[in-house]
């Protein structure tokens, strides 16, 4: 039942946003909500001791490749909005919550934390050139605008978090207590995105059917990411790699899509939130069922795996 709460809240935010298009006037708040969330994330990230491995660079390359491939394929439909939605969905880096899910699944948490840092920094750098390419705007002014927005969204929260941790190390202990606050910011961002898309559809000639097209495309990209990620690392760390490529920091590209494309493009990452949470819910359900079966057969083994999920070797 608990696994259904988050998808249920997501659906509620979608529905409420669609029914209240007037809230689109507050979409400017999305980027500031994101910055607060990223600040809280970076307050907890330990950079020391994290070493990217070959597989992490493969995940980064695949992350960028999926975004470009999705954009090129969706462009064949002739729909600019669909192509942009595909790009901003596919290019999204690893989610900050991916290590948490991996701990629940009994995998190597450090592997996924490293993926989070590698993909978020690597994708941010690549977007400086990719966003002008996708939007067709190659002016120096636009490129500088992209670079500034990326620094504004990622660089400022990261720098602020590291400074606070250095001045007052105990501050990071307060972050877990703000988990519900972060979740509410996240839901508000989804609500405002859906509201903006609803307002755009109502005042333009765009068919509401494009919502189904974007939702379906987002679901397909989600399935490709989780599947491709598993095969990148092989059996040893397949689940960690799958989670790194499949679970996405959608709020990041959602904000960028709103800034450089429009509300319909932002719906790609927005729908992805639903799909990767449904995928995670299924994974956790199957894992808990297997764990229960193993506990019945060998209680000592499953307790040992639960207490120390980290592996000792990386590919």
C-alpha atoms as a PDB file:
ATOM      1  CA  UNK A   1       0.000   0.000   0.000  1.00  0.00           C
ATOM      2  CA  UNK A   2       2.814   2.442   0.860  1.00  0.00           C
ATOM      3  CA  UNK A   3       4.347   1.898  -2.588  1.00  0.00           C
ATOM      4  CA  UNK A   4       1.161   3.350  -4.131  1.00  0.00           C
ATOM      5  CA  UNK A   5       1.151   6.579  -2.103  1.00  0.00           C
ATOM      6  CA  UNK A   6       3.752   8.423  -4.178  1.00  0.00           C
ATOM      7  CA  UNK A   7       2.263   7.492  -7.595  1.00  0.00           C
ATOM      8  CA  UNK A   8      -1.139   8.457  -6.170  1.00  0.00           C
ATOM      9  CA  UNK A   9       0.142  11.879  -5.122  1.00  0.00           C
ATOM     10  CA  UNK A  10       1.669  12.335  -8.574  1.00  0.00           C
ATOM     11  CA  UNK A  11      -1.645  11.560 -10.287  1.00  0.00           C
ATOM     12  CA  UNK A  12      -3.434  13.934  -7.927  1.00  0.00           C
ATOM     13  CA  UNK A  13      -0.956  16.720  -8.735  1.00  0.00           C
ATOM     14  CA  UNK A  14      -1.456  16.092 -12.481  1.00  0.00           C
ATOM     15  CA  UNK A  15      -5.247  16.179 -12.188  1.00  0.00           C
ATOM     16  CA  UNK A  16      -5.334  19.250  -9.946  1.00  0.00           C
ATOM     17  CA  UNK A  17      -2.941  21.135 -12.215  1.00  0.00           C
ATOM     18  CA  UNK A  18      -4.989  20.319 -15.316  1.00  0.00           C
ATOM     19  CA  UNK A  19      -8.179  21.526 -13.612  1.00  0.00           C
ATOM     20  CA  UNK A  20      -6.585  24.771 -12.357  1.00  0.00           C
ATOM     21  CA  UNK A  21      -4.878  26.395 -15.378  1.00  0.00           C
ATOM     22  CA  UNK A  22      -4.881  29.738 -13.546  1.00  0.00           C
ATOM     23  CA  UNK A  23      -1.990  28.471 -11.411  1.00  0.00           C
ATOM     24  CA  UNK A  24       0.231  28.748 -14.498  1.00  0.00           C
ATOM     25  CA  UNK A  25       0.912  32.329 -13.398  1.00  0.00           C
ATOM     26  CA  UNK A  26       3.155  30.886 -10.684  1.00  0.00           C
ATOM     27  CA  UNK A  27       5.339  28.643 -12.861  1.00  0.00           C
ATOM     28  CA  UNK A  28       8.268  31.016 -12.297  1.00  0.00           C
ATOM     29  CA  UNK A  29       8.531  29.457  -8.834  1.00  0.00           C
ATOM     30  CA  UNK A  30       9.543  26.062 -10.261  1.00  0.00           C
ATOM     31  CA  UNK A  31      13.225  26.907 -10.627  1.00  0.00           C
ATOM     32  CA  UNK A  32      13.434  28.265  -7.080  1.00  0.00           C
ATOM     33  CA  UNK A  33      11.730  25.188  -5.641  1.00  0.00           C
ATOM     34  CA  UNK A  34      14.262  23.085  -7.558  1.00  0.00           C
ATOM     35  CA  UNK A  35      17.192  25.071  -6.178  1.00  0.00           C
ATOM     36  CA  UNK A  36      15.987  24.513  -2.612  1.00  0.00           C
ATOM     37  CA  UNK A  37      15.634  20.771  -3.264  1.00  0.00           C
ATOM     38  CA  UNK A  38      19.094  20.544  -4.825  1.00  0.00           C
ATOM     39  CA  UNK A  39      20.590  22.482  -1.915  1.00  0.00           C
ATOM     40  CA  UNK A  40      19.158  19.927   0.521  1.00  0.00           C
ATOM     41  CA  UNK A  41      20.471  17.084  -1.653  1.00  0.00           C
ATOM     42  CA  UNK A  42      24.011  18.475  -1.836  1.00  0.00           C
ATOM     43  CA  UNK A  43      23.975  19.000   1.921  1.00  0.00           C
ATOM     44  CA  UNK A  44      23.958  15.199   2.277  1.00  0.00           C
ATOM     45  CA  UNK A  45      26.286  14.147  -0.563  1.00  0.00           C
ATOM     46  CA  UNK A  46      29.763  13.020   0.504  1.00  0.00           C
ATOM     47  CA  UNK A  47      32.181  13.657  -2.345  1.00  0.00           C
ATOM     48  CA  UNK A  48      35.212  12.201  -0.580  1.00  0.00           C
ATOM     49  CA  UNK A  49      35.919   8.582  -1.414  1.00  0.00           C
ATOM     50  CA  UNK A  50      33.687   8.461  -4.499  1.00  0.00           C
ATOM     51  CA  UNK A  51      35.621   7.247  -7.537  1.00  0.00           C
ATOM     52  CA  UNK A  52      33.963   6.996 -10.964  1.00  0.00           C
ATOM     53  CA  UNK A  53      34.607   3.649 -12.654  1.00  0.00           C
ATOM     54  CA  UNK A  54      34.427   2.617 -16.287  1.00  0.00           C
ATOM     55  CA  UNK A  55      30.769   1.703 -15.900  1.00  0.00           C
ATOM     56  CA  UNK A  56      29.940   5.183 -14.611  1.00  0.00           C
ATOM     57  CA  UNK A  57      31.348   6.745 -17.772  1.00  0.00           C
ATOM     58  CA  UNK A  58      29.329   4.249 -19.830  1.00  0.00           C
ATOM     59  CA  UNK A  59      26.201   5.282 -17.935  1.00  0.00           C
ATOM     60  CA  UNK A  60      26.947   8.962 -18.625  1.00  0.00           C
ATOM     61  CA  UNK A  61      27.535   8.249 -22.327  1.00  0.00           C
ATOM     62  CA  UNK A  62      24.312   6.224 -22.518  1.00  0.00           C
ATOM     63  CA  UNK A  63      22.425   8.973 -20.693  1.00  0.00           C
ATOM     64  CA  UNK A  64      23.441  11.549 -23.292  1.00  0.00           C
ATOM     65  CA  UNK A  65      22.992   9.117 -26.204  1.00  0.00           C
ATOM     66  CA  UNK A  66      19.432   8.229 -25.175  1.00  0.00           C
ATOM     67  CA  UNK A  67      18.520  11.921 -25.053  1.00  0.00           C
ATOM     68  CA  UNK A  68      19.930  12.601 -28.520  1.00  0.00           C
ATOM     69  CA  UNK A  69      18.460   9.419 -30.039  1.00  0.00           C
ATOM     70  CA  UNK A  70      15.018  10.124 -28.554  1.00  0.00           C
ATOM     71  CA  UNK A  71      15.107  13.653 -29.981  1.00  0.00           C
ATOM     72  CA  UNK A  72      16.155  12.485 -33.461  1.00  0.00           C
ATOM     73  CA  UNK A  73      13.525   9.735 -33.616  1.00  0.00           C
ATOM     74  CA  UNK A  74      10.715  11.946 -32.290  1.00  0.00           C
ATOM     75  CA  UNK A  75      11.695  14.647 -34.801  1.00  0.00           C
ATOM     76  CA  UNK A  76      10.623  12.268 -37.573  1.00  0.00           C
ATOM     77  CA  UNK A  77       7.004  12.826 -36.497  1.00  0.00           C
ATOM     78  CA  UNK A  78       7.276  16.487 -37.463  1.00  0.00           C
ATOM     79  CA  UNK A  79       6.164  17.618 -34.006  1.00  0.00           C
ATOM     80  CA  UNK A  80       8.542  20.084 -32.379  1.00  0.00           C
ATOM     81  CA  UNK A  81       6.846  19.709 -29.001  1.00  0.00           C
ATOM     82  CA  UNK A  82       7.090  15.915 -29.095  1.00  0.00           C
ATOM     83  CA  UNK A  83      10.760  16.055 -30.132  1.00  0.00           C
ATOM     84  CA  UNK A  84      11.624  18.472 -27.336  1.00  0.00           C
ATOM     85  CA  UNK A  85       9.695  16.390 -24.802  1.00  0.00           C
ATOM     86  CA  UNK A  86      11.652  13.318 -25.924  1.00  0.00           C
ATOM     87  CA  UNK A  87      14.977  15.127 -25.609  1.00  0.00           C
ATOM     88  CA  UNK A  88      14.427  16.605 -22.164  1.00  0.00           C
ATOM     89  CA  UNK A  89      13.104  13.256 -20.938  1.00  0.00           C
ATOM     90  CA  UNK A  90      15.944  11.162 -22.322  1.00  0.00           C
ATOM     91  CA  UNK A  91      18.764  13.511 -21.313  1.00  0.00           C
ATOM     92  CA  UNK A  92      17.700  13.668 -17.651  1.00  0.00           C
ATOM     93  CA  UNK A  93      20.520  12.586 -15.258  1.00  0.00           C
ATOM     94  CA  UNK A  94      20.320  10.214 -12.277  1.00  0.00           C
ATOM     95  CA  UNK A  95      17.917  11.094  -9.469  1.00  0.00           C
ATOM     96  CA  UNK A  96      19.113  11.939  -5.984  1.00  0.00           C
ATOM     97  CA  UNK A  97      16.642   9.371  -4.643  1.00  0.00           C
ATOM     98  CA  UNK A  98      18.180   6.533  -6.682  1.00  0.00           C
ATOM     99  CA  UNK A  99      20.707   5.621  -3.929  1.00  0.00           C
ATOM    100  CA  UNK A 100      17.835   5.415  -1.441  1.00  0.00           C
ATOM    101  CA  UNK A 101      15.917   2.952  -3.611  1.00  0.00           C
ATOM    102  CA  UNK A 102      19.098   0.951  -4.158  1.00  0.00           C
ATOM    103  CA  UNK A 103      19.597   0.626  -0.409  1.00  0.00           C
ATOM    104  CA  UNK A 104      16.044  -0.693  -0.113  1.00  0.00           C
ATOM    105  CA  UNK A 105      16.881  -3.198  -2.858  1.00  0.00           C
ATOM    106  CA  UNK A 106      20.030  -4.336  -1.031  1.00  0.00           C
ATOM    107  CA  UNK A 107      22.477  -3.072  -3.670  1.00  0.00           C
ATOM    108  CA  UNK A 108      25.662  -1.000  -3.720  1.00  0.00           C
ATOM    109  CA  UNK A 109      24.657   2.496  -2.629  1.00  0.00           C
ATOM    110  CA  UNK A 110      28.077   4.066  -3.270  1.00  0.00           C
ATOM    111  CA  UNK A 111      27.912   2.974  -6.917  1.00  0.00           C
ATOM    112  CA  UNK A 112      24.631   4.841  -7.430  1.00  0.00           C
ATOM    113  CA  UNK A 113      25.779   7.949  -5.503  1.00  0.00           C
ATOM    114  CA  UNK A 114      28.780   8.139  -7.832  1.00  0.00           C
ATOM    115  CA  UNK A 115      26.420   7.808 -10.804  1.00  0.00           C
ATOM    116  CA  UNK A 116      24.343  10.686  -9.452  1.00  0.00           C
ATOM    117  CA  UNK A 117      27.341  13.020  -9.298  1.00  0.00           C
ATOM    118  CA  UNK A 118      28.846  11.844 -12.601  1.00  0.00           C
ATOM    119  CA  UNK A 119      25.672  12.151 -14.659  1.00  0.00           C
ATOM    120  CA  UNK A 120      24.387  15.384 -13.122  1.00  0.00           C
ATOM    121  CA  UNK A 121      27.688  17.189 -13.682  1.00  0.00           C
ATOM    122  CA  UNK A 122      28.391  15.549 -17.055  1.00  0.00           C
ATOM    123  CA  UNK A 123      24.900  16.106 -18.457  1.00  0.00           C
ATOM    124  CA  UNK A 124      24.883  19.716 -17.239  1.00  0.00           C
ATOM    125  CA  UNK A 125      28.106  20.400 -19.139  1.00  0.00           C
ATOM    126  CA  UNK A 126      26.803  18.691 -22.295  1.00  0.00           C
ATOM    127  CA  UNK A 127      23.545  20.667 -22.221  1.00  0.00           C
ATOM    128  CA  UNK A 128      25.470  23.894 -22.773  1.00  0.00           C
ATOM    129  CA  UNK A 129      25.924  22.750 -26.368  1.00  0.00           C
ATOM    130  CA  UNK A 130      22.957  20.400 -26.777  1.00  0.00           C
ATOM    131  CA  UNK A 131      20.153  22.807 -25.856  1.00  0.00           C
ATOM    132  CA  UNK A 132      21.153  25.309 -28.596  1.00  0.00           C
ATOM    133  CA  UNK A 133      21.358  22.358 -31.039  1.00  0.00           C
ATOM    134  CA  UNK A 134      17.917  21.009 -30.144  1.00  0.00           C
ATOM    135  CA  UNK A 135      16.185  24.405 -30.078  1.00  0.00           C
ATOM    136  CA  UNK A 136      17.964  25.623 -33.215  1.00  0.00           C
ATOM    137  CA  UNK A 137      19.242  28.784 -31.545  1.00  0.00           C
ATOM    138  CA  UNK A 138      23.008  29.060 -31.994  1.00  0.00           C
ATOM    139  CA  UNK A 139      23.527  32.695 -31.052  1.00  0.00           C
ATOM    140  CA  UNK A 140      26.220  33.529 -28.504  1.00  0.00           C
ATOM    141  CA  UNK A 141      23.637  35.311 -26.356  1.00  0.00           C
ATOM    142  CA  UNK A 142      21.477  32.184 -26.174  1.00  0.00           C
ATOM    143  CA  UNK A 143      24.463  29.933 -25.413  1.00  0.00           C
ATOM    144  CA  UNK A 144      25.516  32.220 -22.563  1.00  0.00           C
ATOM    145  CA  UNK A 145      21.925  32.210 -21.325  1.00  0.00           C
ATOM    146  CA  UNK A 146      21.942  28.391 -21.240  1.00  0.00           C
ATOM    147  CA  UNK A 147      25.271  28.339 -19.396  1.00  0.00           C
ATOM    148  CA  UNK A 148      24.011  30.865 -16.845  1.00  0.00           C
ATOM    149  CA  UNK A 149      20.779  28.956 -16.228  1.00  0.00           C
ATOM    150  CA  UNK A 150      22.694  25.708 -15.695  1.00  0.00           C
ATOM    151  CA  UNK A 151      25.033  27.408 -13.242  1.00  0.00           C
ATOM    152  CA  UNK A 152      22.079  29.082 -11.542  1.00  0.00           C
ATOM    153  CA  UNK A 153      20.217  25.788 -11.085  1.00  0.00           C
ATOM    154  CA  UNK A 154      23.144  23.497 -10.197  1.00  0.00           C
ATOM    155  CA  UNK A 155      26.175  25.629  -9.320  1.00  0.00           C
ATOM    156  CA  UNK A 156      24.575  27.962  -6.787  1.00  0.00           C
ATOM    157  CA  UNK A 157      22.854  25.250  -4.680  1.00  0.00           C
ATOM    158  CA  UNK A 158      25.986  23.075  -4.794  1.00  0.00           C
ATOM    159  CA  UNK A 159      28.311  25.916  -3.777  1.00  0.00           C
ATOM    160  CA  UNK A 160      25.946  27.109  -1.058  1.00  0.00           C
ATOM    161  CA  UNK A 161      25.585  23.597   0.382  1.00  0.00           C
ATOM    162  CA  UNK A 162      29.340  22.984   0.508  1.00  0.00           C
ATOM    163  CA  UNK A 163      29.910  26.378   2.157  1.00  0.00           C
ATOM    164  CA  UNK A 164      27.246  25.733   4.813  1.00  0.00           C
ATOM    165  CA  UNK A 165      28.674  22.265   5.509  1.00  0.00           C
ATOM    166  CA  UNK A 166      32.138  23.731   5.896  1.00  0.00           C
ATOM    167  CA  UNK A 167      31.031  26.558   8.212  1.00  0.00           C
ATOM    168  CA  UNK A 168      28.512  24.520  10.194  1.00  0.00           C
ATOM    169  CA  UNK A 169      29.063  20.737   9.670  1.00  0.00           C
ATOM    170  CA  UNK A 170      26.159  19.743  11.911  1.00  0.00           C
ATOM    171  CA  UNK A 171      23.713  21.429   9.518  1.00  0.00           C
ATOM    172  CA  UNK A 172      23.556  18.270   7.396  1.00  0.00           C
ATOM    173  CA  UNK A 173      21.975  16.454  10.339  1.00  0.00           C
ATOM    174  CA  UNK A 174      18.923  18.702  10.018  1.00  0.00           C
ATOM    175  CA  UNK A 175      18.242  17.771   6.381  1.00  0.00           C
ATOM    176  CA  UNK A 176      16.559  14.373   7.000  1.00  0.00           C
ATOM    177  CA  UNK A 177      13.993  16.178   9.145  1.00  0.00           C
ATOM    178  CA  UNK A 178      12.972  18.191   6.063  1.00  0.00           C
ATOM    179  CA  UNK A 179      12.046  15.147   3.958  1.00  0.00           C
ATOM    180  CA  UNK A 180       8.327  15.978   3.990  1.00  0.00           C
ATOM    181  CA  UNK A 181       9.109  19.583   3.059  1.00  0.00           C
ATOM    182  CA  UNK A 182      11.099  18.436   0.011  1.00  0.00           C
ATOM    183  CA  UNK A 183       8.293  16.101  -1.008  1.00  0.00           C
ATOM    184  CA  UNK A 184       5.737  18.913  -0.883  1.00  0.00           C
ATOM    185  CA  UNK A 185       7.982  21.142  -3.007  1.00  0.00           C
ATOM    186  CA  UNK A 186       8.226  18.284  -5.497  1.00  0.00           C
ATOM    187  CA  UNK A 187       4.432  17.868  -5.643  1.00  0.00           C
ATOM    188  CA  UNK A 188       3.992  21.626  -6.077  1.00  0.00           C
ATOM    189  CA  UNK A 189       6.399  21.566  -9.026  1.00  0.00           C
ATOM    190  CA  UNK A 190       4.362  18.812 -10.693  1.00  0.00           C
ATOM    191  CA  UNK A 191       1.140  20.724 -10.029  1.00  0.00           C
ATOM    192  CA  UNK A 192       2.509  23.937 -11.570  1.00  0.00           C
ATOM    193  CA  UNK A 193       3.858  22.070 -14.609  1.00  0.00           C
ATOM    194  CA  UNK A 194       0.505  20.388 -15.267  1.00  0.00           C
ATOM    195  CA  UNK A 195      -1.262  23.708 -14.762  1.00  0.00           C
ATOM    196  CA  UNK A 196       1.028  25.440 -17.252  1.00  0.00           C
ATOM    197  CA  UNK A 197       0.462  22.703 -19.842  1.00  0.00           C
ATOM    198  CA  UNK A 198      -3.303  22.915 -19.295  1.00  0.00           C
ATOM    199  CA  UNK A 199      -3.280  26.682 -19.752  1.00  0.00           C
ATOM    200  CA  UNK A 200      -1.178  26.336 -22.924  1.00  0.00           C
ATOM    201  CA  UNK A 201      -3.513  23.736 -24.444  1.00  0.00           C
ATOM    202  CA  UNK A 202      -6.619  25.807 -23.656  1.00  0.00           C
ATOM    203  CA  UNK A 203      -5.302  28.966 -25.338  1.00  0.00           C
ATOM    204  CA  UNK A 204      -3.750  27.262 -28.384  1.00  0.00           C
ATOM    205  CA  UNK A 205      -4.844  24.914 -31.148  1.00  0.00           C
ATOM    206  CA  UNK A 206      -2.839  21.970 -29.819  1.00  0.00           C
ATOM    207  CA  UNK A 207      -4.822  18.736 -29.542  1.00  0.00           C
ATOM    208  CA  UNK A 208      -5.123  17.265 -26.039  1.00  0.00           C
ATOM    209  CA  UNK A 209      -4.121  13.950 -27.656  1.00  0.00           C
ATOM    210  CA  UNK A 210      -0.530  15.141 -27.577  1.00  0.00           C
ATOM    211  CA  UNK A 211      -0.654  14.487 -23.832  1.00  0.00           C
ATOM    212  CA  UNK A 212      -1.137  10.780 -24.554  1.00  0.00           C
ATOM    213  CA  UNK A 213       1.668  10.854 -27.120  1.00  0.00           C
ATOM    214  CA  UNK A 214       4.088  12.469 -24.670  1.00  0.00           C
ATOM    215  CA  UNK A 215       3.019  10.091 -21.892  1.00  0.00           C
ATOM    216  CA  UNK A 216       3.555   7.048 -24.131  1.00  0.00           C
ATOM    217  CA  UNK A 217       6.926   8.296 -25.358  1.00  0.00           C
ATOM    218  CA  UNK A 218       8.023   8.991 -21.789  1.00  0.00           C
ATOM    219  CA  UNK A 219       7.009   5.455 -20.741  1.00  0.00           C
ATOM    220  CA  UNK A 220       9.001   3.977 -23.635  1.00  0.00           C
ATOM    221  CA  UNK A 221      12.125   5.966 -22.705  1.00  0.00           C
ATOM    222  CA  UNK A 222      11.734   4.819 -19.099  1.00  0.00           C
ATOM    223  CA  UNK A 223      11.640   1.147 -20.128  1.00  0.00           C
ATOM    224  CA  UNK A 224      14.653   1.612 -22.424  1.00  0.00           C
ATOM    225  CA  UNK A 225      16.683   3.291 -19.678  1.00  0.00           C
ATOM    226  CA  UNK A 226      16.122   0.639 -17.018  1.00  0.00           C
ATOM    227  CA  UNK A 227      16.756  -2.177 -19.511  1.00  0.00           C
ATOM    228  CA  UNK A 228      19.829  -0.631 -21.152  1.00  0.00           C
ATOM    229  CA  UNK A 229      21.311   0.237 -17.767  1.00  0.00           C
ATOM    230  CA  UNK A 230      21.161  -3.381 -16.675  1.00  0.00           C
ATOM    231  CA  UNK A 231      23.110  -4.602 -19.708  1.00  0.00           C
ATOM    232  CA  UNK A 232      25.776  -1.885 -19.416  1.00  0.00           C
ATOM    233  CA  UNK A 233      27.209  -3.373 -16.211  1.00  0.00           C
ATOM    234  CA  UNK A 234      26.430  -7.057 -16.606  1.00  0.00           C
ATOM    235  CA  UNK A 235      25.185  -9.326 -13.838  1.00  0.00           C
ATOM    236  CA  UNK A 236      27.519  -8.106 -11.086  1.00  0.00           C
ATOM    237  CA  UNK A 237      26.197  -4.537 -10.919  1.00  0.00           C
ATOM    238  CA  UNK A 238      23.317  -4.694 -13.368  1.00  0.00           C
ATOM    239  CA  UNK A 239      20.713  -3.557 -10.853  1.00  0.00           C
ATOM    240  CA  UNK A 240      22.827  -0.590  -9.721  1.00  0.00           C
ATOM    241  CA  UNK A 241      23.478   0.484 -13.304  1.00  0.00           C
ATOM    242  CA  UNK A 242      19.818   0.014 -14.226  1.00  0.00           C
ATOM    243  CA  UNK A 243      18.727   2.208 -11.330  1.00  0.00           C
ATOM    244  CA  UNK A 244      21.330   4.852 -12.210  1.00  0.00           C
ATOM    245  CA  UNK A 245      20.138   5.153 -15.806  1.00  0.00           C
ATOM    246  CA  UNK A 246      16.451   4.577 -15.131  1.00  0.00           C
ATOM    247  CA  UNK A 247      15.604   6.713 -12.102  1.00  0.00           C
ATOM    248  CA  UNK A 248      15.852  10.342 -13.168  1.00  0.00           C
ATOM    249  CA  UNK A 249      16.334  13.813 -11.682  1.00  0.00           C
ATOM    250  CA  UNK A 250      13.252  14.967 -13.590  1.00  0.00           C
ATOM    251  CA  UNK A 251      12.851  18.256 -11.746  1.00  0.00           C
ATOM    252  CA  UNK A 252      16.133  19.448 -13.277  1.00  0.00           C
ATOM    253  CA  UNK A 253      15.168  18.950 -16.930  1.00  0.00           C
ATOM    254  CA  UNK A 254      11.561  19.915 -16.228  1.00  0.00           C
ATOM    255  CA  UNK A 255      12.781  23.372 -15.237  1.00  0.00           C
ATOM    256  CA  UNK A 256      15.079  23.603 -18.264  1.00  0.00           C
ATOM    257  CA  UNK A 257      12.273  22.522 -20.606  1.00  0.00           C
ATOM    258  CA  UNK A 258       9.994  25.229 -19.210  1.00  0.00           C
ATOM    259  CA  UNK A 259      12.744  27.815 -19.698  1.00  0.00           C
ATOM    260  CA  UNK A 260      13.979  26.909 -23.186  1.00  0.00           C
ATOM    261  CA  UNK A 261      11.019  25.169 -24.854  1.00  0.00           C
ATOM    262  CA  UNK A 262       7.585  25.243 -23.235  1.00  0.00           C
ATOM    263  CA  UNK A 263       5.063  23.487 -20.994  1.00  0.00           C
ATOM    264  CA  UNK A 264       4.424  20.605 -23.394  1.00  0.00           C
ATOM    265  CA  UNK A 265       8.121  19.714 -23.524  1.00  0.00           C
ATOM    266  CA  UNK A 266       8.179  19.851 -19.725  1.00  0.00           C
ATOM    267  CA  UNK A 267       5.458  17.196 -19.613  1.00  0.00           C
ATOM    268  CA  UNK A 268       7.975  14.595 -20.834  1.00  0.00           C
ATOM    269  CA  UNK A 269      10.026  14.633 -17.606  1.00  0.00           C
ATOM    270  CA  UNK A 270       6.801  15.151 -15.642  1.00  0.00           C
ATOM    271  CA  UNK A 271       5.203  11.936 -16.908  1.00  0.00           C
ATOM    272  CA  UNK A 272       8.522  10.166 -16.389  1.00  0.00           C
ATOM    273  CA  UNK A 273       8.127  10.800 -12.651  1.00  0.00           C
ATOM    274  CA  UNK A 274       5.060   8.560 -12.694  1.00  0.00           C
ATOM    275  CA  UNK A 275       6.662   5.807 -14.779  1.00  0.00           C
ATOM    276  CA  UNK A 276       9.908   5.454 -12.824  1.00  0.00           C
ATOM    277  CA  UNK A 277       8.018   5.456  -9.532  1.00  0.00           C
ATOM    278  CA  UNK A 278       5.719   2.706 -10.788  1.00  0.00           C
ATOM    279  CA  UNK A 279       8.833   0.781 -11.883  1.00  0.00           C
ATOM    280  CA  UNK A 280      10.393   1.304  -8.467  1.00  0.00           C
ATOM    281  CA  UNK A 281       7.200   0.190  -6.775  1.00  0.00           C
ATOM    282  CA  UNK A 282       7.244  -3.045  -8.769  1.00  0.00           C
ATOM    283  CA  UNK A 283      10.928  -3.615  -7.954  1.00  0.00           C
ATOM    284  CA  UNK A 284      10.391  -3.085  -4.243  1.00  0.00           C
ATOM    285  CA  UNK A 285       7.367  -5.391  -4.230  1.00  0.00           C
ATOM    286  CA  UNK A 286       9.288  -8.198  -5.960  1.00  0.00           C
ATOM    287  CA  UNK A 287      12.340  -7.637  -3.744  1.00  0.00           C
ATOM    288  CA  UNK A 288      10.275  -7.805  -0.563  1.00  0.00           C
ATOM    289  CA  UNK A 289       8.595 -10.979  -1.768  1.00  0.00           C
ATOM    290  CA  UNK A 290      11.950 -12.618  -2.542  1.00  0.00           C
ATOM    291  CA  UNK A 291      13.351 -11.422   0.782  1.00  0.00           C
ATOM    292  CA  UNK A 292      10.433 -12.966   2.645  1.00  0.00           C
ATOM    293  CA  UNK A 293      10.961 -16.261   0.841  1.00  0.00           C
ATOM    294  CA  UNK A 294      14.703 -16.223   1.606  1.00  0.00           C
ATOM    295  CA  UNK A 295      14.082 -15.353   5.245  1.00  0.00           C
ATOM    296  CA  UNK A 296      11.846 -18.384   5.595  1.00  0.00           C
ATOM    297  CA  UNK A 297      14.611 -20.593   4.192  1.00  0.00           C
ATOM    298  CA  UNK A 298      17.706 -18.907   5.670  1.00  0.00           C
ATOM    299  CA  UNK A 299      17.081 -16.084   8.195  1.00  0.00           C
ATOM    300  CA  UNK A 300      20.776 -15.393   8.873  1.00  0.00           C
ATOM    301  CA  UNK A 301      21.554 -14.838   5.198  1.00  0.00           C
ATOM    302  CA  UNK A 302      18.861 -12.284   4.527  1.00  0.00           C
ATOM    303  CA  UNK A 303      19.627 -10.310   7.680  1.00  0.00           C
ATOM    304  CA  UNK A 304      23.270 -10.122   6.666  1.00  0.00           C
ATOM    305  CA  UNK A 305      22.371  -8.842   3.201  1.00  0.00           C
ATOM    306  CA  UNK A 306      19.986  -6.265   4.613  1.00  0.00           C
ATOM    307  CA  UNK A 307      22.523  -4.923   7.105  1.00  0.00           C
ATOM    308  CA  UNK A 308      25.367  -4.531   4.620  1.00  0.00           C
ATOM    309  CA  UNK A 309      24.108  -4.043   1.059  1.00  0.00           C
ATOM    310  CA  UNK A 310      27.356  -2.661  -0.355  1.00  0.00           C
ATOM    311  CA  UNK A 311      29.586  -4.821  -2.485  1.00  0.00           C
ATOM    312  CA  UNK A 312      33.310  -4.812  -2.400  1.00  0.00           C
ATOM    313  CA  UNK A 313      34.223  -4.623  -6.066  1.00  0.00           C
ATOM    314  CA  UNK A 314      33.228  -2.427  -8.974  1.00  0.00           C
ATOM    315  CA  UNK A 315      33.552  -3.171 -12.653  1.00  0.00           C
END
